[in-house]
Amino acid sequence: MLSHGLGLNSTAVLLRWINEPATRPFDLGDLVVVTAMTGDEFASTATDVTEVVLAEMRRHAIRYVQIGRNRLHTTAGGDGITVFSDTTAPTVLHIGVDCALSDEMLSAGTPR
């Protein structure tokens, strides 16, 4: 599993694993990439990831799971979490969530 935070490091690891098979000890069919959407992603990130990363994931049928909060408080049982997609043919990056991480931070008095 790879936690894809949509940033430089996790994107570089994923693209390297795709393009340089010797860097990974597993088949891409066994890889699950997960992104926990914060709700504060930049539109430009969504465009770049959709055009480059999702295209590569589709081409190699890599399983991609996108999740996010649908309310402020979640439970260990998964209440409060939405699975936006779970597919080997991703076409959309789901950056709009019902409850953003910044909502929790602001309600707790944590500065951005």
PDB file of N, CA and C in Angstrom:
ATOM      1  N   MET A   1       0.841  -1.175   0.000  1.00  0.00           N
ATOM      2  CA  MET A   1       0.000   0.000   0.000  1.00  0.00           C
ATOM      3  C   MET A   1       0.886   1.239   0.000  1.00  0.00           C
ATOM      4  N   LEU A   2       0.418   2.251  -0.707  1.00  0.00           N
ATOM      5  CA  LEU A   2       1.098   3.541  -0.714  1.00  0.00           C
ATOM      6  C   LEU A   2       0.087   4.607  -0.328  1.00  0.00           C
ATOM      7  N   SER A   3       0.427   5.391   0.687  1.00  0.00           N
ATOM      8  CA  SER A   3      -0.383   6.538   1.057  1.00  0.00           C
ATOM      9  C   SER A   3       0.052   7.691   0.157  1.00  0.00           C
ATOM     10  N   HIS A   4      -0.830   8.080  -0.758  1.00  0.00           N
ATOM     11  CA  HIS A   4      -0.510   9.149  -1.703  1.00  0.00           C
ATOM     12  C   HIS A   4      -1.099  10.452  -1.195  1.00  0.00           C
ATOM     13  N   GLY A   5      -0.247  11.301  -0.635  1.00  0.00           N
ATOM     14  CA  GLY A   5      -0.690  12.568  -0.087  1.00  0.00           C
ATOM     15  C   GLY A   5      -0.811  13.668  -1.127  1.00  0.00           C
ATOM     16  N   LEU A   6      -0.625  13.327  -2.393  1.00  0.00           N
ATOM     17  CA  LEU A   6      -0.720  14.229  -3.541  1.00  0.00           C
ATOM     18  C   LEU A   6       0.460  15.181  -3.649  1.00  0.00           C
ATOM     19  N   GLY A   7       1.454  15.018  -2.801  1.00  0.00           N
ATOM     20  CA  GLY A   7       2.631  15.874  -2.841  1.00  0.00           C
ATOM     21  C   GLY A   7       3.761  15.272  -3.663  1.00  0.00           C
ATOM     22  N   LEU A   8       4.870  15.968  -3.629  1.00  0.00           N
ATOM     23  CA  LEU A   8       6.035  15.597  -4.428  1.00  0.00           C
ATOM     24  C   LEU A   8       6.580  14.216  -4.074  1.00  0.00           C
ATOM     25  N   ASN A   9       6.776  13.941  -2.793  1.00  0.00           N
ATOM     26  CA  ASN A   9       7.440  12.695  -2.398  1.00  0.00           C
ATOM     27  C   ASN A   9       6.640  11.453  -2.745  1.00  0.00           C
ATOM     28  N   SER A  10       5.367  11.412  -2.345  1.00  0.00           N
ATOM     29  CA  SER A  10       4.582  10.205  -2.630  1.00  0.00           C
ATOM     30  C   SER A  10       4.312  10.052  -4.122  1.00  0.00           C
ATOM     31  N   THR A  11       4.193  11.167  -4.830  1.00  0.00           N
ATOM     32  CA  THR A  11       4.006  11.093  -6.285  1.00  0.00           C
ATOM     33  C   THR A  11       5.260  10.556  -6.950  1.00  0.00           C
ATOM     34  N   ALA A  12       6.416  11.008  -6.492  1.00  0.00           N
ATOM     35  CA  ALA A  12       7.684  10.524  -7.057  1.00  0.00           C
ATOM     36  C   ALA A  12       7.863   9.031  -6.816  1.00  0.00           C
ATOM     37  N   VAL A  13       7.528   8.567  -5.611  1.00  0.00           N
ATOM     38  CA  VAL A  13       7.634   7.132  -5.313  1.00  0.00           C
ATOM     39  C   VAL A  13       6.720   6.343  -6.239  1.00  0.00           C
ATOM     40  N   LEU A  14       5.471   6.774  -6.358  1.00  0.00           N
ATOM     41  CA  LEU A  14       4.516   6.061  -7.207  1.00  0.00           C
ATOM     42  C   LEU A  14       4.984   6.012  -8.655  1.00  0.00           C
ATOM     43  N   LEU A  15       5.384   7.147  -9.211  1.00  0.00           N
ATOM     44  CA  LEU A  15       5.818   7.168 -10.614  1.00  0.00           C
ATOM     45  C   LEU A  15       7.105   6.363 -10.811  1.00  0.00           C
ATOM     46  N   ARG A  16       7.963   6.353  -9.817  1.00  0.00           N
ATOM     47  CA  ARG A  16       9.174   5.539  -9.926  1.00  0.00           C
ATOM     48  C   ARG A  16       8.816   4.059  -9.916  1.00  0.00           C
ATOM     49  N   TRP A  17       7.922   3.664  -9.022  1.00  0.00           N
ATOM     50  CA  TRP A  17       7.497   2.264  -8.997  1.00  0.00           C
ATOM     51  C   TRP A  17       6.872   1.857 -10.321  1.00  0.00           C
ATOM     52  N   ILE A  18       6.116   2.743 -10.920  1.00  0.00           N
ATOM     53  CA  ILE A  18       5.482   2.428 -12.210  1.00  0.00           C
ATOM     54  C   ILE A  18       6.529   2.299 -13.309  1.00  0.00           C
ATOM     55  N   ASN A  19       7.460   3.243 -13.373  1.00  0.00           N
ATOM     56  CA  ASN A  19       8.399   3.317 -14.491  1.00  0.00           C
ATOM     57  C   ASN A  19       9.700   2.558 -14.300  1.00  0.00           C
ATOM     58  N   GLU A  20       9.996   2.172 -13.066  1.00  0.00           N
ATOM     59  CA  GLU A  20      11.233   1.439 -12.789  1.00  0.00           C
ATOM     60  C   GLU A  20      10.911   0.192 -11.964  1.00  0.00           C
ATOM     61  N   PRO A  21      10.474  -0.874 -12.605  1.00  0.00           N
ATOM     62  CA  PRO A  21      10.059  -2.079 -11.885  1.00  0.00           C
ATOM     63  C   PRO A  21      11.103  -2.627 -10.912  1.00  0.00           C
ATOM     64  N   ALA A  22      12.373  -2.409 -11.168  1.00  0.00           N
ATOM     65  CA  ALA A  22      13.416  -2.928 -10.285  1.00  0.00           C
ATOM     66  C   ALA A  22      13.403  -2.251  -8.912  1.00  0.00           C
ATOM     67  N   THR A  23      12.687  -1.136  -8.781  1.00  0.00           N
ATOM     68  CA  THR A  23      12.656  -0.410  -7.508  1.00  0.00           C
ATOM     69  C   THR A  23      11.575  -0.921  -6.565  1.00  0.00           C
ATOM     70  N   ARG A  24      10.782  -1.904  -7.019  1.00  0.00           N
ATOM     71  CA  ARG A  24       9.707  -2.426  -6.157  1.00  0.00           C
ATOM     72  C   ARG A  24       9.732  -3.951  -6.155  1.00  0.00           C
ATOM     73  N   PRO A  25       9.530  -4.570  -4.997  1.00  0.00           N
ATOM     74  CA  PRO A  25       9.557  -6.031  -4.894  1.00  0.00           C
ATOM     75  C   PRO A  25       8.159  -6.656  -5.021  1.00  0.00           C
ATOM     76  N   PHE A  26       7.294  -6.068  -5.831  1.00  0.00           N
ATOM     77  CA  PHE A  26       5.932  -6.569  -5.975  1.00  0.00           C
ATOM     78  C   PHE A  26       5.407  -6.214  -7.357  1.00  0.00           C
ATOM     79  N   ASP A  27       4.342  -6.880  -7.746  1.00  0.00           N
ATOM     80  CA  ASP A  27       3.671  -6.600  -9.009  1.00  0.00           C
ATOM     81  C   ASP A  27       2.726  -5.413  -8.815  1.00  0.00           C
ATOM     82  N   LEU A  28       2.603  -4.559  -9.820  1.00  0.00           N
ATOM     83  CA  LEU A  28       1.702  -3.408  -9.705  1.00  0.00           C
ATOM     84  C   LEU A  28       0.252  -3.829  -9.460  1.00  0.00           C
ATOM     85  N   GLY A  29      -0.102  -5.042  -9.853  1.00  0.00           N
ATOM     86  CA  GLY A  29      -1.451  -5.550  -9.603  1.00  0.00           C
ATOM     87  C   GLY A  29      -1.726  -5.773  -8.126  1.00  0.00           C
ATOM     88  N   ASP A  30      -0.672  -5.815  -7.313  1.00  0.00           N
ATOM     89  CA  ASP A  30      -0.822  -5.993  -5.867  1.00  0.00           C
ATOM     90  C   ASP A  30      -0.791  -4.668  -5.102  1.00  0.00           C
ATOM     91  N   LEU A  31      -0.547  -3.579  -5.816  1.00  0.00           N
ATOM     92  CA  LEU A  31      -0.425  -2.273  -5.174  1.00  0.00           C
ATOM     93  C   LEU A  31      -1.795  -1.622  -4.986  1.00  0.00           C
ATOM     94  N   VAL A  32      -2.011  -1.066  -3.787  1.00  0.00           N
ATOM     95  CA  VAL A  32      -3.196  -0.252  -3.505  1.00  0.00           C
ATOM     96  C   VAL A  32      -2.689   1.121  -3.096  1.00  0.00           C
ATOM     97  N   VAL A  33      -3.147   2.139  -3.805  1.00  0.00           N
ATOM     98  CA  VAL A  33      -2.781   3.518  -3.499  1.00  0.00           C
ATOM     99  C   VAL A  33      -3.987   4.171  -2.841  1.00  0.00           C
ATOM    100  N   VAL A  34      -3.758   4.834  -1.701  1.00  0.00           N
ATOM    101  CA  VAL A  34      -4.857   5.446  -0.944  1.00  0.00           C
ATOM    102  C   VAL A  34      -4.562   6.931  -0.742  1.00  0.00           C
ATOM    103  N   THR A  35      -5.579   7.754  -0.996  1.00  0.00           N
ATOM    104  CA  THR A  35      -5.488   9.179  -0.686  1.00  0.00           C
ATOM    105  C   THR A  35      -6.630   9.536   0.252  1.00  0.00           C
ATOM    106  N   ALA A  36      -6.272  10.132   1.389  1.00  0.00           N
ATOM    107  CA  ALA A  36      -7.256  10.659   2.323  1.00  0.00           C
ATOM    108  C   ALA A  36      -7.360  12.149   2.027  1.00  0.00           C
ATOM    109  N   MET A  37      -8.439  12.545   1.378  1.00  0.00           N
ATOM    110  CA  MET A  37      -8.627  13.936   0.982  1.00  0.00           C
ATOM    111  C   MET A  37      -8.808  14.815   2.214  1.00  0.00           C
ATOM    112  N   THR A  38      -8.105  15.942   2.242  1.00  0.00           N
ATOM    113  CA  THR A  38      -8.226  16.861   3.370  1.00  0.00           C
ATOM    114  C   THR A  38      -9.325  17.892   3.138  1.00  0.00           C
ATOM    115  N   GLY A  39      -9.699  18.079   1.877  1.00  0.00           N
ATOM    116  CA  GLY A  39     -10.694  19.103   1.554  1.00  0.00           C
ATOM    117  C   GLY A  39     -10.066  20.456   1.308  1.00  0.00           C
ATOM    118  N   ASP A  40      -8.757  20.542   1.420  1.00  0.00           N
ATOM    119  CA  ASP A  40      -8.049  21.805   1.211  1.00  0.00           C
ATOM    120  C   ASP A  40      -7.039  21.702   0.069  1.00  0.00           C
ATOM    121  N   GLU A  41      -7.244  20.752  -0.825  1.00  0.00           N
ATOM    122  CA  GLU A  41      -6.335  20.564  -1.949  1.00  0.00           C
ATOM    123  C   GLU A  41      -6.495  21.711  -2.951  1.00  0.00           C
ATOM    124  N   PHE A  42      -5.409  22.076  -3.591  1.00  0.00           N
ATOM    125  CA  PHE A  42      -5.439  23.116  -4.620  1.00  0.00           C
ATOM    126  C   PHE A  42      -6.037  22.561  -5.911  1.00  0.00           C
ATOM    127  N   ALA A  43      -6.755  23.394  -6.637  1.00  0.00           N
ATOM    128  CA  ALA A  43      -7.321  22.988  -7.931  1.00  0.00           C
ATOM    129  C   ALA A  43      -6.203  22.593  -8.893  1.00  0.00           C
ATOM    130  N   SER A  44      -5.069  23.281  -8.824  1.00  0.00           N
ATOM    131  CA  SER A  44      -3.948  22.954  -9.716  1.00  0.00           C
ATOM    132  C   SER A  44      -3.395  21.564  -9.413  1.00  0.00           C
ATOM    133  N   THR A  45      -3.426  21.164  -8.144  1.00  0.00           N
ATOM    134  CA  THR A  45      -3.002  19.808  -7.779  1.00  0.00           C
ATOM    135  C   THR A  45      -3.936  18.792  -8.414  1.00  0.00           C
ATOM    136  N   ALA A  46      -5.232  19.054  -8.337  1.00  0.00           N
ATOM    137  CA  ALA A  46      -6.213  18.138  -8.927  1.00  0.00           C
ATOM    138  C   ALA A  46      -5.985  18.003 -10.426  1.00  0.00           C
ATOM    139  N   THR A  47      -5.719  19.105 -11.091  1.00  0.00           N
ATOM    140  CA  THR A  47      -5.475  19.064 -12.535  1.00  0.00           C
ATOM    141  C   THR A  47      -4.233  18.253 -12.844  1.00  0.00           C
ATOM    142  N   ASP A  48      -3.137  18.542 -12.164  1.00  0.00           N
ATOM    143  CA  ASP A  48      -1.874  17.838 -12.431  1.00  0.00           C
ATOM    144  C   ASP A  48      -1.979  16.344 -12.132  1.00  0.00           C
ATOM    145  N   VAL A  49      -2.551  16.008 -10.980  1.00  0.00           N
ATOM    146  CA  VAL A  49      -2.675  14.595 -10.605  1.00  0.00           C
ATOM    147  C   VAL A  49      -3.598  13.866 -11.578  1.00  0.00           C
ATOM    148  N   THR A  50      -4.682  14.494 -11.949  1.00  0.00           N
ATOM    149  CA  THR A  50      -5.627  13.864 -12.890  1.00  0.00           C
ATOM    150  C   THR A  50      -4.964  13.610 -14.233  1.00  0.00           C
ATOM    151  N   GLU A  51      -4.283  14.607 -14.758  1.00  0.00           N
ATOM    152  CA  GLU A  51      -3.688  14.489 -16.093  1.00  0.00           C
ATOM    153  C   GLU A  51      -2.496  13.546 -16.147  1.00  0.00           C
ATOM    154  N   VAL A  52      -1.700  13.505 -15.097  1.00  0.00           N
ATOM    155  CA  VAL A  52      -0.473  12.703 -15.138  1.00  0.00           C
ATOM    156  C   VAL A  52      -0.600  11.410 -14.339  1.00  0.00           C
ATOM    157  N   VAL A  53      -0.871  11.533 -13.061  1.00  0.00           N
ATOM    158  CA  VAL A  53      -0.819  10.369 -12.173  1.00  0.00           C
ATOM    159  C   VAL A  53      -1.989   9.413 -12.422  1.00  0.00           C
ATOM    160  N   LEU A  54      -3.206   9.943 -12.478  1.00  0.00           N
ATOM    161  CA  LEU A  54      -4.350   9.046 -12.702  1.00  0.00           C
ATOM    162  C   LEU A  54      -4.256   8.360 -14.062  1.00  0.00           C
ATOM    163  N   ALA A  55      -3.736   9.067 -15.045  1.00  0.00           N
ATOM    164  CA  ALA A  55      -3.559   8.449 -16.369  1.00  0.00           C
ATOM    165  C   ALA A  55      -2.615   7.249 -16.298  1.00  0.00           C
ATOM    166  N   GLU A  56      -1.525   7.405 -15.548  1.00  0.00           N
ATOM    167  CA  GLU A  56      -0.581   6.293 -15.384  1.00  0.00           C
ATOM    168  C   GLU A  56      -1.203   5.148 -14.586  1.00  0.00           C
ATOM    169  N   MET A  57      -1.974   5.494 -13.568  1.00  0.00           N
ATOM    170  CA  MET A  57      -2.620   4.452 -12.767  1.00  0.00           C
ATOM    171  C   MET A  57      -3.633   3.677 -13.608  1.00  0.00           C
ATOM    172  N   ARG A  58      -4.370   4.377 -14.454  1.00  0.00           N
ATOM    173  CA  ARG A  58      -5.315   3.691 -15.365  1.00  0.00           C
ATOM    174  C   ARG A  58      -4.562   2.776 -16.319  1.00  0.00           C
ATOM    175  N   ARG A  59      -3.492   3.293 -16.884  1.00  0.00           N
ATOM    176  CA  ARG A  59      -2.717   2.535 -17.880  1.00  0.00           C
ATOM    177  C   ARG A  59      -2.184   1.230 -17.294  1.00  0.00           C
ATOM    178  N   HIS A  60      -1.889   1.236 -15.998  1.00  0.00           N
ATOM    179  CA  HIS A  60      -1.337   0.048 -15.346  1.00  0.00           C
ATOM    180  C   HIS A  60      -2.343  -0.655 -14.437  1.00  0.00           C
ATOM    181  N   ALA A  61      -3.594  -0.215 -14.467  1.00  0.00           N
ATOM    182  CA  ALA A  61      -4.682  -0.814 -13.671  1.00  0.00           C
ATOM    183  C   ALA A  61      -4.318  -0.921 -12.197  1.00  0.00           C
ATOM    184  N   ILE A  62      -3.778   0.163 -11.657  1.00  0.00           N
ATOM    185  CA  ILE A  62      -3.417   0.217 -10.237  1.00  0.00           C
ATOM    186  C   ILE A  62      -4.649   0.619  -9.444  1.00  0.00           C
ATOM    187  N   ARG A  63      -4.920  -0.132  -8.401  1.00  0.00           N
ATOM    188  CA  ARG A  63      -6.093   0.158  -7.561  1.00  0.00           C
ATOM    189  C   ARG A  63      -5.874   1.459  -6.792  1.00  0.00           C
ATOM    190  N   TYR A  64      -6.864   2.355  -6.886  1.00  0.00           N
ATOM    191  CA  TYR A  64      -6.784   3.663  -6.230  1.00  0.00           C
ATOM    192  C   TYR A  64      -8.033   3.888  -5.393  1.00  0.00           C
ATOM    193  N   VAL A  65      -7.825   4.152  -4.104  1.00  0.00           N
ATOM    194  CA  VAL A  65      -8.919   4.386  -3.172  1.00  0.00           C
ATOM    195  C   VAL A  65      -8.816   5.827  -2.682  1.00  0.00           C
ATOM    196  N   GLN A  66      -9.931   6.566  -2.798  1.00  0.00           N
ATOM    197  CA  GLN A  66      -9.994   7.943  -2.325  1.00  0.00           C
ATOM    198  C   GLN A  66     -11.048   8.035  -1.228  1.00  0.00           C
ATOM    199  N   ILE A  67     -10.648   8.568  -0.086  1.00  0.00           N
ATOM    200  CA  ILE A  67     -11.570   8.694   1.040  1.00  0.00           C
ATOM    201  C   ILE A  67     -11.534  10.117   1.584  1.00  0.00           C
ATOM    202  N   GLY A  68     -12.535  10.461   2.375  1.00  0.00           N
ATOM    203  CA  GLY A  68     -12.560  11.767   3.025  1.00  0.00           C
ATOM    204  C   GLY A  68     -13.639  11.782   4.088  1.00  0.00           C
ATOM    205  N   ARG A  69     -13.609  12.795   4.900  1.00  0.00           N
ATOM    206  CA  ARG A  69     -14.590  12.931   5.979  1.00  0.00           C
ATOM    207  C   ARG A  69     -15.906  13.480   5.446  1.00  0.00           C
ATOM    208  N   ASN A  70     -16.986  13.033   6.071  1.00  0.00           N
ATOM    209  CA  ASN A  70     -18.287  13.619   5.752  1.00  0.00           C
ATOM    210  C   ASN A  70     -18.878  14.341   6.963  1.00  0.00           C
ATOM    211  N   ARG A  71     -18.111  14.337   8.055  1.00  0.00           N
ATOM    212  CA  ARG A  71     -18.513  15.082   9.258  1.00  0.00           C
ATOM    213  C   ARG A  71     -17.278  15.310  10.113  1.00  0.00           C
ATOM    214  N   LEU A  72     -17.419  16.175  11.107  1.00  0.00           N
ATOM    215  CA  LEU A  72     -16.274  16.571  11.919  1.00  0.00           C
ATOM    216  C   LEU A  72     -15.680  15.407  12.711  1.00  0.00           C
ATOM    217  N   HIS A  73     -16.528  14.648  13.395  1.00  0.00           N
ATOM    218  CA  HIS A  73     -16.035  13.557  14.231  1.00  0.00           C
ATOM    219  C   HIS A  73     -16.259  12.215  13.541  1.00  0.00           C
ATOM    220  N   THR A  74     -15.225  11.384  13.563  1.00  0.00           N
ATOM    221  CA  THR A  74     -15.301  10.057  12.972  1.00  0.00           C
ATOM    222  C   THR A  74     -15.182   9.011  14.072  1.00  0.00           C
ATOM    223  N   THR A  75     -15.519   7.768  13.713  1.00  0.00           N
ATOM    224  CA  THR A  75     -15.414   6.679  14.692  1.00  0.00           C
ATOM    225  C   THR A  75     -14.424   5.643  14.209  1.00  0.00           C
ATOM    226  N   ALA A  76     -13.970   4.809  15.125  1.00  0.00           N
ATOM    227  CA  ALA A  76     -13.059   3.724  14.775  1.00  0.00           C
ATOM    228  C   ALA A  76     -13.720   2.751  13.808  1.00  0.00           C
ATOM    229  N   GLY A  77     -15.049   2.699  13.831  1.00  0.00           N
ATOM    230  CA  GLY A  77     -15.791   1.824  12.925  1.00  0.00           C
ATOM    231  C   GLY A  77     -15.959   2.394  11.526  1.00  0.00           C
ATOM    232  N   GLY A  78     -15.479   3.620  11.312  1.00  0.00           N
ATOM    233  CA  GLY A  78     -15.538   4.216   9.983  1.00  0.00           C
ATOM    234  C   GLY A  78     -16.698   5.169   9.755  1.00  0.00           C
ATOM    235  N   ASP A  79     -17.536   5.361  10.775  1.00  0.00           N
ATOM    236  CA  ASP A  79     -18.606   6.340  10.616  1.00  0.00           C
ATOM    237  C   ASP A  79     -17.977   7.714  10.449  1.00  0.00           C
ATOM    238  N   GLY A  80     -18.512   8.479   9.499  1.00  0.00           N
ATOM    239  CA  GLY A  80     -17.982   9.803   9.228  1.00  0.00           C
ATOM    240  C   GLY A  80     -16.990   9.831   8.080  1.00  0.00           C
ATOM    241  N   ILE A  81     -16.724   8.671   7.490  1.00  0.00           N
ATOM    242  CA  ILE A  81     -15.797   8.569   6.363  1.00  0.00           C
ATOM    243  C   ILE A  81     -16.565   8.160   5.110  1.00  0.00           C
ATOM    244  N   THR A  82     -16.276   8.827   4.005  1.00  0.00           N
ATOM    245  CA  THR A  82     -16.863   8.484   2.713  1.00  0.00           C
ATOM    246  C   THR A  82     -15.788   7.900   1.819  1.00  0.00           C
ATOM    247  N   VAL A  83     -16.094   6.808   1.140  1.00  0.00           N
ATOM    248  CA  VAL A  83     -15.213   6.269   0.107  1.00  0.00           C
ATOM    249  C   VAL A  83     -15.696   6.870  -1.209  1.00  0.00           C
ATOM    250  N   PHE A  84     -14.907   7.795  -1.754  1.00  0.00           N
ATOM    251  CA  PHE A  84     -15.288   8.476  -2.993  1.00  0.00           C
ATOM    252  C   PHE A  84     -15.103   7.588  -4.212  1.00  0.00           C
ATOM    253  N   SER A  85     -14.057   6.783  -4.194  1.00  0.00           N
ATOM    254  CA  SER A  85     -13.849   5.844  -5.294  1.00  0.00           C
ATOM    255  C   SER A  85     -12.888   4.755  -4.853  1.00  0.00           C
ATOM    256  N   ASP A  86     -13.051   3.608  -5.472  1.00  0.00           N
ATOM    257  CA  ASP A  86     -12.178   2.452  -5.272  1.00  0.00           C
ATOM    258  C   ASP A  86     -12.165   1.752  -6.616  1.00  0.00           C
ATOM    259  N   THR A  87     -11.147   2.035  -7.419  1.00  0.00           N
ATOM    260  CA  THR A  87     -11.150   1.601  -8.810  1.00  0.00           C
ATOM    261  C   THR A  87      -9.737   1.383  -9.341  1.00  0.00           C
ATOM    262  N   THR A  88      -9.644   0.618 -10.407  1.00  0.00           N
ATOM    263  CA  THR A  88      -8.377   0.467 -11.124  1.00  0.00           C
ATOM    264  C   THR A  88      -8.379   1.310 -12.398  1.00  0.00           C
ATOM    265  N   ALA A  89      -9.398   2.142 -12.555  1.00  0.00           N
ATOM    266  CA  ALA A  89      -9.480   3.031 -13.715  1.00  0.00           C
ATOM    267  C   ALA A  89      -9.900   4.437 -13.273  1.00  0.00           C
ATOM    268  N   PRO A  90      -9.101   5.085 -12.405  1.00  0.00           N
ATOM    269  CA  PRO A  90      -9.493   6.397 -11.874  1.00  0.00           C
ATOM    270  C   PRO A  90      -9.457   7.483 -12.948  1.00  0.00           C
ATOM    271  N   THR A  91     -10.470   8.335 -12.937  1.00  0.00           N
ATOM    272  CA  THR A  91     -10.529   9.444 -13.887  1.00  0.00           C
ATOM    273  C   THR A  91     -10.717  10.790 -13.201  1.00  0.00           C
ATOM    274  N   VAL A  92     -11.165  10.771 -11.940  1.00  0.00           N
ATOM    275  CA  VAL A  92     -11.479  11.999 -11.216  1.00  0.00           C
ATOM    276  C   VAL A  92     -10.785  11.998  -9.862  1.00  0.00           C
ATOM    277  N   LEU A  93     -10.197  13.123  -9.515  1.00  0.00           N
ATOM    278  CA  LEU A  93      -9.661  13.307  -8.177  1.00  0.00           C
ATOM    279  C   LEU A  93     -10.735  14.041  -7.376  1.00  0.00           C
ATOM    280  N   HIS A  94     -11.209  13.425  -6.320  1.00  0.00           N
ATOM    281  CA  HIS A  94     -12.323  13.958  -5.524  1.00  0.00           C
ATOM    282  C   HIS A  94     -11.799  14.912  -4.449  1.00  0.00           C
ATOM    283  N   ILE A  95     -11.620  16.179  -4.810  1.00  0.00           N
ATOM    284  CA  ILE A  95     -11.047  17.120  -3.847  1.00  0.00           C
ATOM    285  C   ILE A  95     -12.106  17.809  -2.993  1.00  0.00           C
ATOM    286  N   GLY A  96     -13.367  17.716  -3.358  1.00  0.00           N
ATOM    287  CA  GLY A  96     -14.409  18.337  -2.550  1.00  0.00           C
ATOM    288  C   GLY A  96     -14.918  17.365  -1.507  1.00  0.00           C
ATOM    289  N   VAL A  97     -14.746  17.697  -0.233  1.00  0.00           N
ATOM    290  CA  VAL A  97     -15.234  16.841   0.845  1.00  0.00           C
ATOM    291  C   VAL A  97     -16.238  17.624   1.676  1.00  0.00           C
ATOM    292  N   ASP A  98     -17.069  16.912   2.410  1.00  0.00           N
ATOM    293  CA  ASP A  98     -18.086  17.557   3.236  1.00  0.00           C
ATOM    294  C   ASP A  98     -17.504  18.231   4.463  1.00  0.00           C
ATOM    295  N   CYS A  99     -16.403  17.710   4.971  1.00  0.00           N
ATOM    296  CA  CYS A  99     -15.788  18.263   6.181  1.00  0.00           C
ATOM    297  C   CYS A  99     -14.275  18.277   5.968  1.00  0.00           C
ATOM    298  N   ALA A 100     -13.716  19.460   5.831  1.00  0.00           N
ATOM    299  CA  ALA A 100     -12.286  19.594   5.568  1.00  0.00           C
ATOM    300  C   ALA A 100     -11.473  19.492   6.855  1.00  0.00           C
ATOM    301  N   LEU A 101     -10.229  19.090   6.715  1.00  0.00           N
ATOM    302  CA  LEU A 101      -9.319  19.038   7.853  1.00  0.00           C
ATOM    303  C   LEU A 101      -9.215  20.414   8.508  1.00  0.00           C
ATOM    304  N   SER A 102      -9.241  21.461   7.700  1.00  0.00           N
ATOM    305  CA  SER A 102      -9.159  22.817   8.253  1.00  0.00           C
ATOM    306  C   SER A 102     -10.365  23.135   9.131  1.00  0.00           C
ATOM    307  N   ASP A 103     -11.525  22.531   8.851  1.00  0.00           N
ATOM    308  CA  ASP A 103     -12.695  22.722   9.714  1.00  0.00           C
ATOM    309  C   ASP A 103     -12.409  22.204  11.122  1.00  0.00           C
ATOM    310  N   GLU A 104     -11.796  21.019  11.185  1.00  0.00           N
ATOM    311  CA  GLU A 104     -11.452  20.444  12.490  1.00  0.00           C
ATOM    312  C   GLU A 104     -10.410  21.314  13.197  1.00  0.00           C
ATOM    313  N   MET A 105      -9.417  21.739  12.450  1.00  0.00           N
ATOM    314  CA  MET A 105      -8.360  22.559  13.045  1.00  0.00           C
ATOM    315  C   MET A 105      -8.919  23.865  13.589  1.00  0.00           C
ATOM    316  N   LEU A 106      -9.791  24.504  12.829  1.00  0.00           N
ATOM    317  CA  LEU A 106     -10.379  25.763  13.280  1.00  0.00           C
ATOM    318  C   LEU A 106     -11.289  25.566  14.497  1.00  0.00           C
ATOM    319  N   SER A 107     -12.049  24.475  14.506  1.00  0.00           N
ATOM    320  CA  SER A 107     -12.932  24.223  15.645  1.00  0.00           C
ATOM    321  C   SER A 107     -12.151  23.911  16.919  1.00  0.00           C
ATOM    322  N   ALA A 108     -10.919  23.408  16.747  1.00  0.00           N
ATOM    323  CA  ALA A 108     -10.073  23.093  17.898  1.00  0.00           C
ATOM    324  C   ALA A 108      -9.168  24.267  18.274  1.00  0.00           C
ATOM    325  N   GLY A 109      -9.269  25.346  17.502  1.00  0.00           N
ATOM    326  CA  GLY A 109      -8.437  26.505  17.782  1.00  0.00           C
ATOM    327  C   GLY A 109      -7.011  26.374  17.290  1.00  0.00           C
ATOM    328  N   THR A 110      -6.771  25.451  16.349  1.00  0.00           N
ATOM    329  CA  THR A 110      -5.448  25.244  15.786  1.00  0.00           C
ATOM    330  C   THR A 110      -5.271  26.176  14.588  1.00  0.00           C
ATOM    331  N   PRO A 111      -4.238  26.995  14.567  1.00  0.00           N
ATOM    332  CA  PRO A 111      -4.042  27.894  13.425  1.00  0.00           C
ATOM    333  C   PRO A 111      -3.656  27.112  12.176  1.00  0.00           C
ATOM    334  N   ARG A 112      -3.991  27.646  11.029  1.00  0.00           N
ATOM    335  CA  ARG A 112      -3.653  26.999   9.750  1.00  0.00           C
ATOM    336  C   ARG A 112      -2.187  27.029   9.490  1.00  0.00           C
TER     337      ARG A 112
END
